[in-house]
N, C-alpha and C. Protein backbone atom coordinates (compact mmCIF):
# COMPACT_ATOMS: atom_id res chain seq x y z
N MET A 1 37.65 -11.10 -25.58
CA MET A 1 37.76 -10.24 -25.55
C MET A 1 37.21 -9.87 -23.52
N ALA A 2 36.49 -10.92 -22.90
CA ALA A 2 35.70 -10.62 -21.54
C ALA A 2 37.09 -10.77 -20.71
N ALA A 3 37.86 -11.94 -21.21
CA ALA A 3 38.76 -12.58 -20.17
C ALA A 3 39.88 -11.83 -20.03
N ALA A 4 40.46 -11.25 -21.27
CA ALA A 4 41.24 -10.24 -21.15
C ALA A 4 40.97 -9.04 -20.50
N ALA A 5 39.76 -8.44 -20.43
CA ALA A 5 39.13 -7.31 -19.38
C ALA A 5 39.96 -7.06 -17.98
N MET A 6 40.52 -6.00 -18.01
CA MET A 6 40.32 -5.49 -16.49
C MET A 6 39.48 -5.19 -15.88
N PRO A 7 39.14 -5.68 -14.79
CA PRO A 7 38.01 -5.60 -13.91
C PRO A 7 37.57 -3.62 -13.71
N LEU A 8 36.41 -3.30 -13.83
CA LEU A 8 36.31 -1.94 -13.76
C LEU A 8 36.76 -1.18 -12.67
N ALA A 9 36.99 -1.77 -11.24
CA ALA A 9 37.24 -1.38 -10.81
C ALA A 9 39.11 -0.66 -10.30
N ALA A 10 39.24 -2.14 -10.91
CA ALA A 10 40.88 -1.99 -11.49
C ALA A 10 41.22 -0.91 -12.42
N LEU A 11 39.98 -0.36 -13.17
CA LEU A 11 40.10 0.13 -14.75
C LEU A 11 40.35 1.70 -14.16
N GLU A 12 39.35 2.04 -12.94
CA GLU A 12 39.54 3.13 -12.62
C GLU A 12 40.75 4.02 -11.86
N ARG A 13 41.14 2.57 -11.14
CA ARG A 13 42.38 2.80 -10.42
C ARG A 13 43.33 3.32 -11.62
N TRP A 14 43.52 2.30 -12.31
CA TRP A 14 44.25 2.55 -13.36
C TRP A 14 44.42 3.95 -14.04
N LEU A 15 43.12 4.42 -14.30
CA LEU A 15 43.30 5.66 -14.70
C LEU A 15 43.66 6.64 -14.31
N GLN A 16 43.62 6.75 -12.70
CA GLN A 16 43.95 7.66 -11.52
C GLN A 16 45.15 8.04 -11.64
N ALA A 17 45.98 6.66 -11.89
CA ALA A 17 47.03 6.47 -11.77
C ALA A 17 48.26 7.54 -12.79
N ARG A 18 47.33 7.14 -14.33
CA ARG A 18 47.75 7.83 -15.39
C ARG A 18 47.17 9.49 -15.47
N ILE A 19 46.95 10.05 -14.58
CA ILE A 19 46.71 11.39 -14.73
C ILE A 19 47.67 12.54 -15.53
N ASP A 20 48.68 12.24 -15.30
CA ASP A 20 49.65 13.22 -15.71
C ASP A 20 50.32 13.06 -17.09
N ARG A 21 49.33 11.83 -17.69
CA ARG A 21 49.25 11.64 -18.99
C ARG A 21 48.12 11.77 -19.41
N HIS A 22 47.29 12.89 -19.01
CA HIS A 22 45.79 13.70 -19.32
C HIS A 22 45.07 12.30 -20.14
N PRO A 23 44.87 11.51 -19.86
CA PRO A 23 43.53 10.74 -20.02
C PRO A 23 42.39 11.43 -20.36
N ALA A 24 41.62 11.02 -21.16
CA ALA A 24 40.39 12.15 -21.20
C ALA A 24 39.48 11.59 -20.26
N ALA A 25 39.49 10.15 -19.86
CA ALA A 25 38.49 10.14 -18.28
C ALA A 25 39.17 9.73 -16.92
N THR A 26 38.99 10.26 -15.93
CA THR A 26 39.76 9.90 -14.95
C THR A 26 38.89 9.12 -13.95
N SER A 27 37.69 9.06 -14.48
CA SER A 27 36.90 8.30 -13.44
C SER A 27 35.67 6.91 -14.17
N LEU A 28 35.10 5.95 -13.66
CA LEU A 28 34.26 5.29 -14.52
C LEU A 28 33.08 5.93 -14.67
N PRO A 29 32.64 7.06 -13.96
CA PRO A 29 31.29 7.69 -14.68
C PRO A 29 32.04 8.76 -16.11
N MET A 30 33.23 9.16 -16.24
CA MET A 30 33.72 10.08 -16.84
C MET A 30 33.70 8.83 -18.51
N LEU A 31 34.41 8.28 -18.16
CA LEU A 31 34.63 7.02 -18.69
C LEU A 31 33.21 6.87 -19.43
N ASP A 32 32.26 6.35 -18.70
CA ASP A 32 31.09 5.56 -19.19
C ASP A 32 30.47 6.68 -19.88
N GLY A 33 30.29 7.47 -19.73
CA GLY A 33 29.74 8.82 -20.81
C GLY A 33 30.47 8.92 -21.64
N TYR A 34 31.74 9.09 -21.63
CA TYR A 34 32.23 9.18 -23.06
C TYR A 34 31.74 7.92 -24.05
N VAL A 35 32.01 6.70 -23.67
CA VAL A 35 32.00 5.67 -24.39
C VAL A 35 30.51 5.95 -24.98
N ALA A 36 29.59 5.93 -24.15
CA ALA A 36 28.19 6.34 -24.37
C ALA A 36 28.07 7.59 -25.83
N ALA A 37 28.91 8.72 -25.87
CA ALA A 37 28.98 9.69 -26.79
C ALA A 37 29.11 8.68 -27.80
N ILE A 38 30.14 7.71 -27.93
CA ILE A 38 30.96 7.31 -28.92
C ILE A 38 29.70 6.26 -29.63
N VAL A 39 29.19 5.62 -28.83
CA VAL A 39 28.12 4.67 -29.26
C VAL A 39 26.62 5.62 -29.65
N ALA A 40 26.61 6.21 -29.20
CA ALA A 40 25.24 7.31 -29.78
C ALA A 40 25.51 8.36 -30.81
N GLY A 41 27.00 8.54 -31.14
CA GLY A 41 27.49 9.42 -32.02
C GLY A 41 26.49 9.43 -32.99
N PRO A 42 26.74 10.68 -33.95
CA PRO A 42 26.17 10.34 -35.47
C PRO A 42 27.50 10.19 -36.31
N VAL A 43 28.38 9.88 -36.23
CA VAL A 43 29.07 8.92 -36.97
C VAL A 43 30.34 8.02 -36.28
N SER A 44 30.54 7.40 -37.48
CA SER A 44 31.47 6.38 -36.75
C SER A 44 32.81 6.51 -36.88
N MET A 45 33.45 6.16 -35.75
CA MET A 45 34.96 6.11 -35.54
C MET A 45 35.82 4.82 -35.37
N SER A 46 37.20 5.26 -35.65
CA SER A 46 38.16 3.94 -35.60
C SER A 46 38.10 3.79 -34.09
N PRO A 47 38.01 2.64 -33.42
CA PRO A 47 38.70 2.49 -32.15
C PRO A 47 39.77 3.13 -31.80
N LEU A 48 40.77 3.33 -32.66
CA LEU A 48 42.26 4.15 -32.17
C LEU A 48 41.49 5.63 -32.11
N ASP A 49 40.66 6.47 -32.81
CA ASP A 49 40.79 7.55 -32.49
C ASP A 49 40.13 7.78 -31.52
N TRP A 50 39.14 6.85 -30.67
CA TRP A 50 38.60 7.64 -29.44
C TRP A 50 39.08 6.61 -28.40
N ILE A 51 39.59 5.15 -28.66
CA ILE A 51 40.50 4.69 -27.12
C ILE A 51 41.28 5.45 -27.21
N CYS A 52 42.59 5.37 -27.73
CA CYS A 52 43.85 6.07 -27.48
C CYS A 52 43.63 7.30 -26.32
N PRO A 53 42.65 8.68 -27.04
CA PRO A 53 42.81 9.60 -26.00
C PRO A 53 41.85 9.36 -25.25
N LEU A 54 41.04 8.79 -24.94
CA LEU A 54 40.49 8.16 -23.36
C LEU A 54 41.31 7.43 -22.59
N LEU A 55 42.09 6.47 -22.85
CA LEU A 55 43.32 5.97 -21.49
C LEU A 55 44.53 6.68 -22.00
N ALA A 56 44.42 7.48 -22.97
CA ALA A 56 46.12 7.94 -23.26
C ALA A 56 47.20 7.03 -23.42
N ILE A 57 47.20 6.34 -24.23
CA ILE A 57 48.01 5.22 -24.62
C ILE A 57 48.02 4.81 -25.70
N ASP A 58 49.09 4.83 -26.38
CA ASP A 58 49.72 5.18 -28.01
C ASP A 58 48.85 3.78 -28.75
N ALA A 59 48.59 3.69 -30.04
CA ALA A 59 48.05 3.13 -30.90
C ALA A 59 48.91 1.76 -31.12
N ASP A 60 50.30 1.60 -30.66
CA ASP A 60 51.04 0.22 -30.00
C ASP A 60 49.94 -0.57 -29.65
N ALA A 61 49.64 0.21 -28.59
CA ALA A 61 49.34 -0.70 -27.45
C ALA A 61 48.07 -2.05 -27.80
N PHE A 62 47.63 -1.68 -28.96
CA PHE A 62 46.29 -2.64 -29.22
C PHE A 62 47.45 -3.94 -30.13
N ASN A 63 48.37 -3.96 -29.98
CA ASN A 63 49.23 -4.84 -30.78
C ASN A 63 50.06 -5.80 -29.83
N HIS A 64 49.32 -5.14 -28.60
CA HIS A 64 50.60 -6.17 -27.45
C HIS A 64 49.42 -6.71 -26.38
N GLY A 65 48.71 -7.86 -26.15
CA GLY A 65 48.21 -8.74 -25.18
C GLY A 65 48.99 -9.04 -24.23
N GLY A 66 48.35 -8.88 -23.09
CA GLY A 66 48.62 -9.67 -21.78
C GLY A 66 49.38 -8.24 -20.84
N THR A 67 48.97 -6.73 -21.98
CA THR A 67 49.87 -5.66 -20.83
C THR A 67 48.69 -5.36 -19.96
N PRO A 68 48.74 -4.34 -18.99
CA PRO A 68 48.01 -3.63 -18.34
C PRO A 68 46.77 -2.64 -19.40
N GLU A 69 47.85 -1.81 -20.47
CA GLU A 69 46.83 -0.92 -21.69
C GLU A 69 46.05 -2.25 -22.33
N PHE A 70 46.82 -3.58 -22.96
CA PHE A 70 45.22 -4.17 -23.62
C PHE A 70 44.58 -4.63 -22.86
N ALA A 71 44.85 -4.51 -21.46
CA ALA A 71 43.36 -5.03 -20.25
C ALA A 71 42.43 -3.93 -20.35
N ALA A 72 42.91 -2.61 -20.44
CA ALA A 72 42.28 -1.49 -20.18
C ALA A 72 41.40 -1.46 -21.40
N ILE A 73 42.09 -1.35 -22.86
CA ILE A 73 41.47 -1.52 -23.90
C ILE A 73 40.17 -2.38 -23.99
N SER A 74 40.43 -3.61 -23.89
CA SER A 74 39.42 -4.98 -23.71
C SER A 74 38.14 -4.45 -22.65
N ALA A 75 38.73 -3.94 -21.30
CA ALA A 75 37.32 -3.50 -20.50
C ALA A 75 36.50 -2.54 -21.73
N VAL A 76 37.32 -1.33 -22.24
CA VAL A 76 36.21 -0.43 -22.48
C VAL A 76 35.76 -0.69 -24.01
N ALA A 77 36.39 -1.80 -24.74
CA ALA A 77 35.35 -2.44 -25.87
C ALA A 77 34.41 -3.16 -25.21
N GLN A 78 34.79 -3.59 -24.07
CA GLN A 78 33.56 -5.00 -23.76
C GLN A 78 32.20 -3.41 -22.95
N ARG A 79 32.78 -2.80 -22.24
CA ARG A 79 31.35 -1.49 -22.03
C ARG A 79 31.08 -0.96 -23.31
N HIS A 80 31.69 -0.32 -24.37
CA HIS A 80 31.28 -0.10 -25.53
C HIS A 80 30.26 -1.40 -26.04
N ASN A 81 30.70 -2.37 -26.28
CA ASN A 81 29.44 -3.67 -26.61
C ASN A 81 28.09 -3.77 -26.22
N GLU A 82 28.50 -3.52 -24.51
CA GLU A 82 27.59 -3.44 -23.64
C GLU A 82 26.61 -2.45 -23.61
N ILE A 83 26.92 -1.05 -23.58
CA ILE A 83 26.16 0.41 -24.11
C ILE A 83 25.20 0.30 -25.31
N SER A 84 25.88 -0.59 -26.64
CA SER A 84 25.68 -0.49 -27.41
C SER A 84 24.44 -1.42 -27.85
N ASN A 85 24.52 -2.81 -26.90
CA ASN A 85 23.29 -3.91 -27.15
C ASN A 85 22.35 -3.07 -26.33
N VAL A 86 22.31 -2.85 -25.43
CA VAL A 86 21.28 -2.35 -24.70
C VAL A 86 20.33 -0.96 -25.49
N LEU A 87 21.23 0.25 -25.60
CA LEU A 87 20.45 0.84 -26.34
C LEU A 87 19.80 0.47 -27.95
N THR A 88 20.34 -0.32 -28.65
CA THR A 88 20.08 -1.03 -29.48
C THR A 88 18.46 -1.86 -29.10
N THR A 89 18.71 -2.87 -28.26
CA THR A 89 17.24 -3.62 -28.20
C THR A 89 16.74 -3.51 -26.83
N ALA A 90 17.16 -2.20 -26.61
CA ALA A 90 16.14 -2.13 -25.35
C ALA A 90 16.92 -1.05 -24.13
N PRO A 91 16.59 0.38 -25.22
CA PRO A 91 16.97 1.45 -24.63
C PRO A 91 16.77 2.15 -23.43
N ASP A 92 15.40 1.68 -22.76
CA ASP A 92 14.77 1.96 -21.43
C ASP A 92 15.43 1.38 -20.26
N ARG A 93 16.17 0.32 -20.86
CA ARG A 93 17.04 -0.33 -19.54
C ARG A 93 18.40 0.28 -19.85
N PHE A 94 19.14 1.24 -20.24
CA PHE A 94 20.26 1.47 -19.91
C PHE A 94 20.44 2.23 -18.81
N GLU A 95 21.66 1.84 -17.98
CA GLU A 95 21.87 2.51 -16.66
C GLU A 95 23.15 3.13 -16.10
N PRO A 96 23.08 4.53 -17.08
CA PRO A 96 24.62 5.11 -16.91
C PRO A 96 25.57 4.91 -15.52
N MET A 97 26.65 4.85 -15.45
CA MET A 97 27.68 4.65 -14.36
C MET A 97 27.75 5.96 -13.84
N HIS A 98 26.65 6.56 -12.22
CA HIS A 98 27.08 7.32 -11.90
C HIS A 98 27.72 7.45 -10.66
N GLN A 99 28.40 8.52 -10.27
CA GLN A 99 29.07 8.30 -8.39
C GLN A 99 27.82 9.26 -7.64
N ARG A 100 28.32 9.08 -6.31
CA ARG A 100 27.19 9.73 -5.42
C ARG A 100 27.78 11.14 -4.78
N LYS A 101 27.22 12.15 -4.42
CA LYS A 101 27.92 13.24 -3.73
C LYS A 101 27.78 12.55 -2.31
N ALA A 102 28.55 13.56 -1.49
CA ALA A 102 28.72 13.05 -0.23
C ALA A 102 27.21 13.10 0.98
N ASN A 103 26.47 13.73 0.27
CA ASN A 103 24.95 14.16 0.73
C ASN A 103 24.46 12.94 -0.03
N GLY A 104 24.92 12.04 -0.75
CA GLY A 104 24.00 11.09 -0.99
C GLY A 104 23.49 11.03 -2.31
N ASP A 105 23.31 12.35 -3.22
CA ASP A 105 22.43 12.85 -4.38
C ASP A 105 23.54 12.27 -5.47
N VAL A 106 22.91 11.61 -6.19
CA VAL A 106 23.56 11.21 -7.82
C VAL A 106 24.51 12.73 -8.30
N ASP A 107 25.42 12.66 -8.90
CA ASP A 107 26.45 13.26 -9.20
C ASP A 107 26.35 13.34 -10.84
N LEU A 108 25.99 13.71 -11.73
CA LEU A 108 25.35 13.56 -13.08
C LEU A 108 26.67 14.35 -13.91
N GLY A 109 27.30 15.37 -13.41
CA GLY A 109 28.61 15.74 -13.70
C GLY A 109 29.83 15.04 -14.48
N PRO A 110 30.07 14.14 -13.80
CA PRO A 110 31.23 13.53 -14.18
C PRO A 110 30.93 13.10 -15.75
N TRP A 111 29.73 12.19 -15.38
CA TRP A 111 29.36 11.44 -16.74
C TRP A 111 29.14 12.00 -17.66
N CYS A 112 28.36 13.31 -17.86
CA CYS A 112 27.94 14.64 -18.59
C CYS A 112 29.12 15.02 -18.83
N GLN A 113 29.84 15.23 -18.20
CA GLN A 113 31.82 15.92 -18.78
C GLN A 113 32.37 14.88 -19.67
N GLY A 114 32.41 13.74 -19.46
CA GLY A 114 32.98 12.51 -20.44
C GLY A 114 31.89 12.21 -21.33
N PHE A 115 30.84 12.66 -21.70
CA PHE A 115 30.05 12.60 -22.24
C PHE A 115 30.54 13.86 -23.97
N TYR A 116 30.77 15.10 -23.17
CA TYR A 116 30.77 16.17 -23.74
C TYR A 116 32.03 15.64 -24.52
N THR A 117 33.38 15.26 -23.59
CA THR A 117 34.45 15.09 -24.23
C THR A 117 34.53 14.52 -25.26
N ALA A 118 33.58 13.29 -25.43
CA ALA A 118 33.87 12.50 -26.44
C ALA A 118 33.21 13.17 -27.92
N MET A 119 31.61 14.28 -27.72
CA MET A 119 31.23 14.69 -28.32
C MET A 119 32.58 16.09 -28.68
N ARG A 120 33.37 16.34 -28.36
CA ARG A 120 34.45 17.51 -28.88
C ARG A 120 35.22 16.40 -29.84
N LEU A 121 35.64 15.37 -30.14
CA LEU A 121 36.45 14.96 -31.16
C LEU A 121 35.73 14.86 -32.36
N ARG A 122 34.29 15.30 -32.61
CA ARG A 122 33.87 15.25 -33.72
C ARG A 122 32.90 16.37 -33.42
N LEU A 123 33.20 17.64 -33.37
CA LEU A 123 32.11 18.30 -32.83
C LEU A 123 31.51 18.80 -34.21
N SER A 124 31.93 18.98 -34.90
CA SER A 124 30.99 19.02 -36.49
C SER A 124 29.96 18.66 -36.94
N ALA A 125 29.99 17.10 -36.27
CA ALA A 125 29.11 16.12 -36.47
C ALA A 125 28.35 16.61 -35.86
N TRP A 126 28.23 16.78 -34.46
CA TRP A 126 26.98 17.02 -33.47
C TRP A 126 26.35 18.45 -33.90
N ALA A 127 27.20 19.16 -34.59
CA ALA A 127 26.40 20.56 -34.67
C ALA A 127 24.89 21.40 -34.68
N PRO A 128 24.16 19.78 -35.81
CA PRO A 128 22.86 20.14 -35.71
C PRO A 128 22.19 20.32 -34.44
N LEU A 129 22.47 19.30 -33.47
CA LEU A 129 21.69 19.15 -32.15
C LEU A 129 22.70 20.08 -30.97
N LEU A 130 23.77 21.27 -31.76
CA LEU A 130 23.85 22.11 -30.48
C LEU A 130 22.77 23.28 -31.75
N ASP A 131 22.52 23.17 -32.59
CA ASP A 131 21.69 24.65 -32.94
C ASP A 131 20.74 24.71 -32.18
N ALA A 132 20.51 26.56 -31.87
CA ALA A 132 19.57 26.31 -30.97
C ALA A 132 18.02 26.44 -31.73
N SER A 133 18.04 26.37 -32.79
CA SER A 133 16.91 26.88 -33.89
C SER A 133 16.57 25.05 -34.43
N ASN A 134 17.18 24.18 -33.84
CA ASN A 134 16.51 22.88 -33.95
C ASN A 134 15.97 22.31 -33.31
N VAL A 135 14.56 21.31 -32.99
CA VAL A 135 13.31 21.17 -32.66
C VAL A 135 14.46 19.83 -31.52
N ASN A 136 15.54 19.50 -31.74
CA ASN A 136 16.31 18.34 -31.56
C ASN A 136 17.27 19.19 -30.21
N HIS A 137 17.55 20.16 -30.70
CA HIS A 137 18.28 21.19 -29.80
C HIS A 137 18.05 20.49 -28.00
N GLY A 138 17.02 20.77 -27.54
CA GLY A 138 17.05 20.34 -26.16
C GLY A 138 17.05 18.88 -25.84
N LEU A 139 17.45 17.72 -26.41
CA LEU A 139 17.65 16.61 -26.24
C LEU A 139 19.36 16.68 -25.79
N LEU A 140 20.22 17.69 -26.07
CA LEU A 140 21.33 17.35 -25.45
C LEU A 140 21.54 18.49 -24.20
N LEU A 141 20.66 19.54 -24.02
CA LEU A 141 20.86 19.97 -22.98
C LEU A 141 20.79 19.89 -21.44
N PRO A 142 19.92 18.82 -21.31
CA PRO A 142 20.45 18.48 -19.67
C PRO A 142 22.03 17.62 -19.75
N ILE A 143 22.53 17.31 -20.59
CA ILE A 143 23.58 16.94 -20.61
C ILE A 143 24.49 18.49 -20.67
N LEU A 144 24.50 19.24 -21.07
CA LEU A 144 25.62 20.31 -21.31
C LEU A 144 25.27 20.91 -20.03
N LEU A 145 24.02 20.80 -19.70
CA LEU A 145 23.91 21.57 -18.46
C LEU A 145 24.72 21.45 -17.13
N HIS A 146 25.23 20.27 -17.12
CA HIS A 146 25.90 19.36 -16.16
C HIS A 146 27.76 19.49 -16.50
N CYS A 147 27.80 19.93 -17.68
CA CYS A 147 28.99 20.14 -18.03
C CYS A 147 29.50 21.54 -17.95
N ARG A 148 30.65 21.87 -17.28
CA ARG A 148 31.02 23.17 -16.61
C ARG A 148 32.94 23.26 -17.45
N ASP A 149 33.01 24.39 -17.59
CA ASP A 149 33.94 24.69 -18.36
C ASP A 149 35.25 25.29 -17.51
N ASP A 150 36.36 26.04 -17.54
CA ASP A 150 37.48 26.03 -16.40
C ASP A 150 36.72 27.14 -15.86
N GLN A 151 36.00 27.94 -15.71
CA GLN A 151 35.35 29.47 -15.01
C GLN A 151 34.21 28.64 -14.41
N GLY A 152 33.71 27.23 -14.32
CA GLY A 152 32.67 26.84 -13.35
C GLY A 152 31.40 27.20 -14.19
N ARG A 153 31.53 27.60 -15.37
CA ARG A 153 30.31 27.96 -15.90
C ARG A 153 29.34 26.81 -16.69
N PRO A 154 28.33 26.51 -17.13
CA PRO A 154 27.74 25.45 -17.65
C PRO A 154 28.25 25.93 -19.11
N ARG A 155 28.60 24.80 -19.97
CA ARG A 155 28.80 24.90 -21.24
C ARG A 155 27.87 25.33 -22.19
N SER A 156 26.43 25.23 -22.04
CA SER A 156 25.43 25.82 -22.60
C SER A 156 25.77 27.28 -22.83
N ASP A 157 25.72 27.89 -21.33
CA ASP A 157 26.12 29.34 -21.30
C ASP A 157 27.25 29.76 -22.48
N ARG A 158 28.16 29.33 -22.09
CA ARG A 158 29.53 29.30 -22.78
C ARG A 158 29.67 29.86 -24.02
N HIS A 159 29.18 28.50 -24.90
CA HIS A 159 28.84 28.64 -26.19
C HIS A 159 27.49 29.40 -26.62
N GLN A 160 26.31 29.90 -25.47
CA GLN A 160 25.61 30.79 -25.92
C GLN A 160 24.60 30.02 -26.78
N TRP A 161 24.24 28.71 -25.91
CA TRP A 161 22.98 28.19 -26.34
C TRP A 161 21.82 28.19 -25.90
N THR A 162 20.31 28.58 -26.15
CA THR A 162 19.89 28.82 -25.70
C THR A 162 18.21 27.47 -25.10
N PHE A 163 17.69 27.85 -24.04
CA PHE A 163 17.28 26.58 -23.70
C PHE A 163 15.93 26.49 -24.87
N CYS A 164 15.34 25.08 -24.49
CA CYS A 164 14.52 24.74 -25.51
C CYS A 164 13.13 24.25 -24.52
N ALA A 165 12.28 25.16 -24.48
CA ALA A 165 11.03 25.12 -23.83
C ALA A 165 10.79 23.83 -23.94
N THR A 166 10.25 23.08 -25.22
CA THR A 166 9.71 21.79 -25.01
C THR A 166 10.32 21.36 -25.59
N PRO A 167 11.10 20.47 -25.12
CA PRO A 167 12.52 19.07 -25.93
C PRO A 167 11.56 18.37 -26.99
N THR A 168 11.72 17.65 -27.55
CA THR A 168 11.27 16.88 -28.36
C THR A 168 11.22 15.46 -27.40
N PRO A 169 10.33 14.88 -27.04
CA PRO A 169 10.05 13.76 -26.63
C PRO A 169 11.05 12.58 -27.06
N ILE A 170 11.27 11.65 -25.96
CA ILE A 170 12.68 10.86 -26.52
C ILE A 170 11.86 9.56 -27.02
N PHE A 171 10.46 9.00 -26.96
CA PHE A 171 10.19 8.36 -27.92
C PHE A 171 9.07 8.58 -28.72
N GLN A 172 9.20 9.63 -29.37
CA GLN A 172 8.87 9.82 -30.59
C GLN A 172 9.68 9.84 -32.21
N ARG A 173 10.47 8.83 -31.82
CA ARG A 173 11.47 8.44 -32.88
C ARG A 173 12.33 6.89 -32.16
N PRO A 174 11.32 6.07 -31.94
CA PRO A 174 11.65 5.13 -31.55
C PRO A 174 12.70 4.20 -32.22
N SER A 175 12.86 4.40 -33.85
CA SER A 175 13.67 3.52 -34.71
C SER A 175 15.61 4.42 -34.03
N ARG A 176 15.49 5.47 -33.44
CA ARG A 176 16.86 5.87 -33.23
C ARG A 176 16.85 5.78 -31.87
N PRO A 177 17.67 4.91 -30.68
CA PRO A 177 17.58 4.62 -29.99
C PRO A 177 18.28 5.93 -29.46
N ARG A 178 18.08 6.22 -27.86
CA ARG A 178 19.32 7.61 -27.39
C ARG A 178 19.70 7.03 -25.87
N ALA A 179 20.80 7.99 -25.78
CA ALA A 179 21.87 7.56 -24.59
C ALA A 179 20.85 8.58 -23.26
N ASN A 180 20.97 7.88 -22.35
CA ASN A 180 20.04 8.26 -21.32
C ASN A 180 21.17 8.62 -19.73
N THR A 181 20.97 9.78 -19.36
CA THR A 181 21.72 10.08 -18.40
C THR A 181 21.38 9.76 -17.07
N GLY A 182 20.01 9.50 -17.16
CA GLY A 182 19.97 9.17 -15.85
C GLY A 182 18.80 10.06 -15.27
N CYS A 183 18.76 11.16 -15.59
CA CYS A 183 17.68 12.47 -15.35
C CYS A 183 16.31 11.88 -15.98
N ARG A 184 15.16 12.57 -15.31
CA ARG A 184 13.81 12.27 -15.79
C ARG A 184 13.63 12.95 -17.03
N SER A 185 13.86 14.31 -17.26
CA SER A 185 13.70 14.93 -18.44
C SER A 185 14.53 14.55 -19.86
N ALA A 186 14.44 15.39 -20.95
CA ALA A 186 14.75 14.30 -22.01
C ALA A 186 16.64 14.35 -21.83
N THR A 187 17.27 13.77 -21.49
CA THR A 187 18.72 13.55 -21.51
C THR A 187 18.88 12.60 -22.67
N HIS A 188 18.67 12.76 -23.51
CA HIS A 188 19.11 11.69 -25.04
C HIS A 188 19.86 12.41 -26.18
N ALA A 189 20.85 11.51 -26.39
CA ALA A 189 21.61 11.70 -28.01
C ALA A 189 21.37 10.99 -28.37
N PRO A 190 21.06 11.15 -29.97
CA PRO A 190 20.60 10.60 -31.27
C PRO A 190 21.55 9.39 -31.44
N ALA A 191 20.96 8.45 -32.09
CA ALA A 191 21.83 7.27 -32.34
C ALA A 191 21.35 6.48 -33.68
N ASP A 192 22.31 5.60 -34.19
CA ASP A 192 21.55 4.97 -35.18
C ASP A 192 22.72 3.71 -35.72
N PHE A 193 22.64 3.09 -34.81
CA PHE A 193 23.53 1.75 -34.78
C PHE A 193 23.05 0.55 -35.86
N ARG A 194 21.71 0.64 -36.37
CA ARG A 194 21.51 -0.78 -37.25
C ARG A 194 22.44 -0.51 -38.93
N ARG A 195 22.47 1.13 -38.71
CA ARG A 195 23.47 1.61 -39.79
C ARG A 195 24.58 1.39 -40.26
N ARG A 196 25.06 1.49 -38.91
CA ARG A 196 26.79 1.32 -39.06
C ARG A 196 27.16 0.15 -38.00
N GLY A 197 26.44 -0.47 -37.60
CA GLY A 197 26.98 -1.72 -36.86
C GLY A 197 27.28 -0.97 -35.21
N SER A 198 27.00 -2.28 -34.24
CA SER A 198 26.92 -2.01 -33.02
C SER A 198 27.96 -2.31 -32.21
N SER A 199 29.08 -3.47 -32.72
CA SER A 199 30.12 -4.05 -31.28
C SER A 199 31.66 -3.89 -32.46
N TYR A 200 31.94 -3.24 -31.34
CA TYR A 200 33.53 -3.98 -31.43
C TYR A 200 34.29 -5.66 -31.28
N ARG A 201 35.13 -5.66 -31.81
CA ARG A 201 35.85 -6.98 -31.42
C ARG A 201 37.21 -7.01 -31.78
N LEU A 202 38.01 -7.28 -30.36
CA LEU A 202 39.19 -7.08 -30.90
C LEU A 202 40.57 -7.26 -31.73
N ARG A 203 39.92 -8.56 -32.20
CA ARG A 203 40.51 -9.25 -33.26
C ARG A 203 40.34 -8.67 -34.95
N SER A 204 39.51 -7.64 -34.56
CA SER A 204 39.38 -6.79 -35.82
C SER A 204 40.33 -5.34 -36.14
N TRP A 205 40.50 -5.31 -34.75
CA TRP A 205 41.18 -4.55 -34.86
C TRP A 205 43.13 -4.08 -35.27
């Protein structure tokens, strides 16, 4: 899989060249956030169900090696396995792919937007964390607050989700590793890798 994978810099250029096909991600930070949500999500998904919309490709692309589409699939699968491995074994070492603003500040928006885009694939499964009465609701707020709707409003406002004054600390439940956006506050979503497996191999697809 690693040998077939497209380099990440080339993958970003490839995605940007496909904007007219409406891929779910048009940059590496968006792709990284999207894949992190798939890894950390509450339900397991078939690779076809999330990679096809991510890259704006047809399912048939999985059947033909040696193509740019297959190289992109391989790169995404490799990044998925990297994120899964680090969140399973050493979640504190997870480093999201963020870009920087013109002033040098880290821009969390694209990564968070990618994360939310993946959430929308199975939004009902994420519903408990979107419920303001849930003690773990605060875990998603730092991600949601960096996501914007078409009018530029935070997603948290649009959905009328309220702030959780005391979000659950990340280390209270070490058995469920969480994805870190890079913020100092609680920016983590639940995961359960041990129960449903943590890596994909192209030959099994």
